[in-house]
Amino acid sequence: MFLREKGCELDASIARPESDLESSNIAGIDLSSKPSRSPAGVSSICKSFVITYHDYCSHTSIHGVQYLGEHPRPIREKVFWLCVFVASIYCCSTLINNAYTKWTETPVIVSFAEKSTPVWNIPFPAVTICSETKRILKPKGNGTSYRSLYNQFNEYMQQSRIFKPENITPGELEEFRTLLHVCNSQIVDQDMPLIAGDDLDYLNVLERMLPPFERYFFYCRWLSRFNECDKFFTKTLTEEGICYTFNGLRPTDIYREDTYQYHIEKNMEKDAWNSTRAKHLPWSLETGYPPTSDVDTYPARVLSAGARSGIFMALQSFKQEVDYACRGPVQGFKVILHAPDDVPQVSKQFVRIPMGKEVLIAVKPSMITTSSGIAEYDPLRRQCFLSHERSLRFFKVYTESNCQLECLVNFTLTRCGCVKFSMPRDLNMPVCGEDKIYCYDRAERELLVREFQRVRALNMASDGDMLRGVETACNCMPACTSLAYNTEISQANFDLDEMLAAEGDTEFMQEYPGSQMSRLSIYFKQSQFITSKRSELYGITDFLANCGGIFGLFMGFSILSMVEVWYHFTLRFWSNWKHLARERT
């Protein structure tokens, strides 16, 4: 940084404009005298560089540099300013590196949207209801109960033999084999005895055991219109058997064409009770409802909050039909609220509807949208998938829940060589029999442990620094546009006997002996809600502005400062060199 003239006198006039040359000439300096010739190439370049350097130091806008090129300044002061300059560069580099890290690792922020969203912009939640009565308990002497068969099964389990119960029809054995999958599968031991019989179509057996829909779903009201419940609900195959879903997308709109669920729905579309859902509008969670859509849409929506704009239903079960050996002491119904494009997984999250209660569920939507500015970011940086970025094997629609279910299916197939009857699958995928219940029931926990250990190993490999955006084996990040339904639940006693006595109704119990009834009401709590929005927290403009502020604060550096450097050590250097060359000739 400190350049001195050695072995030759520099012609100071070279670095000056012509006006300065004239003034020097007035001072009595002999401009006509030429310096002694030295080796032409290196000497001219060296002198030109020294002249350019001093000229740059005296004219640059970068703070502190002018002190490094002044002739009369003592060396100790130049060393001081050099240290200050280097320290400024170090501080700038550190802060800019921090800004770059922030830009690359946290480019997205989730904040509240500027405006509230009316509830008619989103669908009413899909409601999936499962009865705890999987098979009507038959009166004594009219068949073999699940309890008696399971007691025999336990005896055979201890002896590790093939289970061949006596005095049982083939149909009852098929029902028992099916109930092993939906009753209490977690109690089935790994070394269970083999059960004689061919492969079962578990869906057909479940439909054969299914309690009558019209008896258990007594009546419904949707948007203040009373009607029979089969006008609103459709059958849904879940891990707990056949349930009923209101306002969910059809399986043909969720599953791909080569899946088992898609073909089942195609066959069911011939049924009259499913024909009311023939309407279809191009709705998706990312695009919402079309601007031209009417009040009646698919999936359905409401126009306001409150119980009058929700769904209300009376659910019924019968004391003499409850089989406590199958589902345990807690009876009634399970209810799950989910987005219409999600496949319900009843065993994960549910609201229990006990008998003899009136349950009110006030729904508070939780929706996250995405601004168009972050669509160009890599999914790992923004921590979400757009609908076209992640294709699933079994599903047309990507959601985090659907992706996790598909990952579990693939892991179960690898681990057990088969999948549970309710899992999404293609037509050639084997279905697990009773000897694989223990395997697929533990597969989910094994998958979670594997995912945890993988992420932990990656974190440990990074010297303890938490990795943001670590891709798990399932690779099931949230969808960039997601919708969830939070609930507030309240309940009160519903005394059917007292109500009938007060009304003087004596025929109801004769028609429905042993009836236990509950009422359920689901509605939006508020007409408007605040959505969350993924937006760009730290874009390229913010990064450049931050860098410019840091450079200006510590060094007074700007884009023009960079141009000055380029100008002096290219154009000015060339001009000085050419001038020296002419002086030599």
Foldseek 3Di string as FASTA:
>chain_A
DADDDPPWDQDLCLLPDVVVVVVVVVVPDDPLDFTDDDPQDPVLLVSLVLSLQLSLLCDFLWPLSVLLNDVVRDPVVNVVSVVLVVVLVVVLVVVLVVLVCCCQFAFKDKDWDPDWDFQQQAADWKKKKDFLQQAFADDPPPFDGLVVLVVQQVVCLVVQEEDDDPPHDPLVLLLSQLLCQQFCLQVDDLSGHHYDDDDDLSLVSSVVRDDDPCAFFVWKAALNRTDRCLLFWDWAQESNGIIIMGQADQLCQWWDPQKPSNVVSVVCCVDPSPVSPPDAAPADLQVTGDPPDDQQHRSHTFQWWDLSNFMKTKGKDFPNGDDCVGHHDFGAMWMDTFGRNARDHRVPDTDGFGFQKAKEKAKAKEKEAEDPVCPPPDCLSLQADEQPRDDDDTTSGAFLRVLLLSVLQVQLCVFQVADDSRGIDGPPGHHDGSSCSNVSVCSSVVVVVQQVVVLVVVCVVVVNDRDRSDQTPSRRTGHNIHMDIDIDMDMDGHDPVVVCVVVVNPVVCVVVPRMTMYMYTYTHPGRIHIYMYMDGPADPVNSVVSSQVSCCVSINDDPVSVVSVVCSVPVVSVSSSVVSVVSVD
